[in-house]
Amino acid sequence: MNVLPTELFAALSHDTRLRCVLLLRVFEELCVCDLTHAIGTAQPHMSRHLAQLRQAGLVSDRKDGLWVHYRINPELPAWVTALLDQTAQGVACLQPYERDLAALTQVSSRQGQTRCA
């Protein structure tokens, strides 16, 4: 997979997209409702930004009934993965990233329950 640096940085330049990618690094897979809950934004806004991340090749998705689940694209080049890892490490204690993770961790503690009901 070929990712151009200019396309990568353009995709990550919006706060919502960066926050989504950083959350997807921590959790294997998240549905749109998980991300809207954690980030506190409306579903159409979230879906639009996730579509842009998908077009840039940063995330992949799968449908499960009415829900769409997203994950970091496993085919990303090593340099992109390293950049995401370094970014996540650098902002872990900053807001809103720390708050996003805490909100999503609370939701994910309900494992076994349908989160998107």
Protein backbone atom coordinates (compact mmCIF):
# COMPACT_ATOMS: atom_id res chain seq x y z
CA MET A 1 0.00 0.00 0.00
CA ASN A 2 1.32 3.41 -0.95
CA VAL A 3 0.45 6.39 1.27
CA LEU A 4 1.67 9.81 0.24
CA PRO A 5 2.82 11.96 3.15
CA THR A 6 0.80 14.95 1.92
CA GLU A 7 -2.39 12.85 1.81
CA LEU A 8 -1.69 11.37 5.25
CA PHE A 9 -1.17 14.75 6.89
CA ALA A 10 -4.17 16.23 5.09
CA ALA A 11 -6.33 13.37 6.40
CA LEU A 12 -5.07 13.83 9.96
CA SER A 13 -5.28 17.64 9.90
CA HIS A 14 -8.88 17.75 11.10
CA ASP A 15 -9.46 17.30 14.82
CA THR A 16 -12.27 14.75 14.40
CA ARG A 17 -10.26 12.56 12.02
CA LEU A 18 -7.15 12.62 14.21
CA ARG A 19 -9.19 11.77 17.30
CA CYS A 20 -10.85 8.86 15.49
CA VAL A 21 -7.54 7.41 14.30
CA LEU A 22 -6.02 7.67 17.76
CA LEU A 23 -8.99 5.85 19.30
CA LEU A 24 -8.90 3.18 16.60
CA ARG A 25 -5.24 2.55 17.47
CA VAL A 26 -6.28 1.53 20.97
CA PHE A 27 -9.41 -0.47 20.16
CA GLU A 28 -9.31 -3.14 17.50
CA GLU A 29 -12.58 -2.09 15.95
CA LEU A 30 -15.20 0.56 16.70
CA CYS A 31 -18.61 1.33 15.31
CA VAL A 32 -19.73 4.82 14.43
CA CYS A 33 -21.85 5.08 17.58
CA ASP A 34 -18.81 4.33 19.77
CA LEU A 35 -16.86 7.11 18.11
CA THR A 36 -19.73 9.61 18.26
CA HIS A 37 -20.10 8.87 21.97
CA ALA A 38 -16.40 9.26 22.74
CA ILE A 39 -15.85 12.40 20.69
CA GLY A 40 -19.28 13.92 21.34
CA THR A 41 -20.25 14.72 17.80
CA ALA A 42 -23.26 13.99 15.60
CA GLN A 43 -23.41 10.79 13.55
CA PRO A 44 -23.51 12.52 10.12
CA HIS A 45 -20.42 14.56 11.03
CA MET A 46 -18.61 11.43 12.21
CA SER A 47 -19.60 9.37 9.16
CA ARG A 48 -18.35 12.09 6.80
CA HIS A 49 -14.94 12.18 8.48
CA LEU A 50 -14.68 8.39 8.63
CA ALA A 51 -15.42 8.28 4.90
CA GLN A 52 -12.53 10.69 4.32
CA LEU A 53 -10.23 8.49 6.40
CA ARG A 54 -11.34 5.47 4.39
CA GLN A 55 -10.70 7.30 1.11
CA ALA A 56 -7.21 8.19 2.32
CA GLY A 57 -6.59 4.51 3.07
CA LEU A 58 -6.06 5.01 6.80
CA VAL A 59 -9.06 2.97 7.94
CA SER A 60 -11.03 0.05 6.60
CA ASP A 61 -14.63 -0.76 7.38
CA ARG A 62 -17.10 -3.62 7.48
CA LYS A 63 -20.87 -3.62 7.66
CA ASP A 64 -22.72 -5.58 10.32
CA GLY A 65 -26.44 -5.18 9.77
CA LEU A 66 -27.20 -1.50 10.24
CA TRP A 67 -23.81 -0.68 11.72
CA VAL A 68 -20.49 0.07 10.14
CA HIS A 69 -17.36 -0.86 12.08
CA TYR A 70 -14.00 0.78 11.47
CA ARG A 71 -10.43 -0.25 12.15
CA ILE A 72 -6.96 1.00 11.28
CA ASN A 73 -6.07 -0.33 7.85
CA PRO A 74 -3.78 -3.33 8.51
CA GLU A 75 -1.95 -2.70 5.23
CA LEU A 76 -0.55 0.69 6.27
CA PRO A 77 3.18 1.06 5.68
CA ALA A 78 5.42 0.77 8.75
CA TRP A 79 6.34 4.47 8.63
CA VAL A 80 2.65 5.44 8.93
CA THR A 81 2.08 3.04 11.83
CA ALA A 82 5.19 4.39 13.58
CA LEU A 83 3.99 7.96 13.07
CA LEU A 84 0.57 7.13 14.53
CA ASP A 85 2.17 5.35 17.48
CA GLN A 86 4.47 8.29 18.19
CA THR A 87 1.61 10.78 17.91
CA ALA A 88 -0.59 8.75 20.25
CA GLN A 89 2.21 8.52 22.79
CA GLY A 90 2.88 12.26 22.58
CA VAL A 91 -0.73 13.36 23.11
CA ALA A 92 -1.89 10.66 25.56
CA CYS A 93 -2.07 13.09 28.50
CA LEU A 94 -3.51 16.01 26.53
CA GLN A 95 -7.14 16.98 26.10
CA PRO A 96 -9.32 16.03 24.29
CA TYR A 97 -7.44 12.78 23.58
CA GLU A 98 -7.28 11.62 27.20
CA ARG A 99 -11.00 12.38 27.67
CA ASP A 100 -11.91 10.52 24.44
CA LEU A 101 -10.09 7.43 25.61
CA ALA A 102 -11.71 7.55 29.05
CA ALA A 103 -15.20 7.89 27.53
CA LEU A 104 -14.64 4.99 25.19
CA THR A 105 -13.08 2.82 27.88
CA GLN A 106 -16.23 3.24 29.97
CA VAL A 107 -18.41 2.18 27.03
CA SER A 108 -16.19 -0.78 26.15
CA SER A 109 -16.42 -2.07 29.73
CA ARG A 110 -19.96 -3.16 28.86
CA GLN A 111 -18.63 -6.04 26.72
CA GLY A 112 -21.22 -8.60 25.87
CA GLN A 113 -23.89 -5.94 25.57
CA THR A 114 -25.03 -4.38 22.34
CA ARG A 115 -23.52 -0.92 22.29
CA CYS A 116 -25.36 0.23 19.22
CA ALA A 117 -28.91 -0.52 20.25
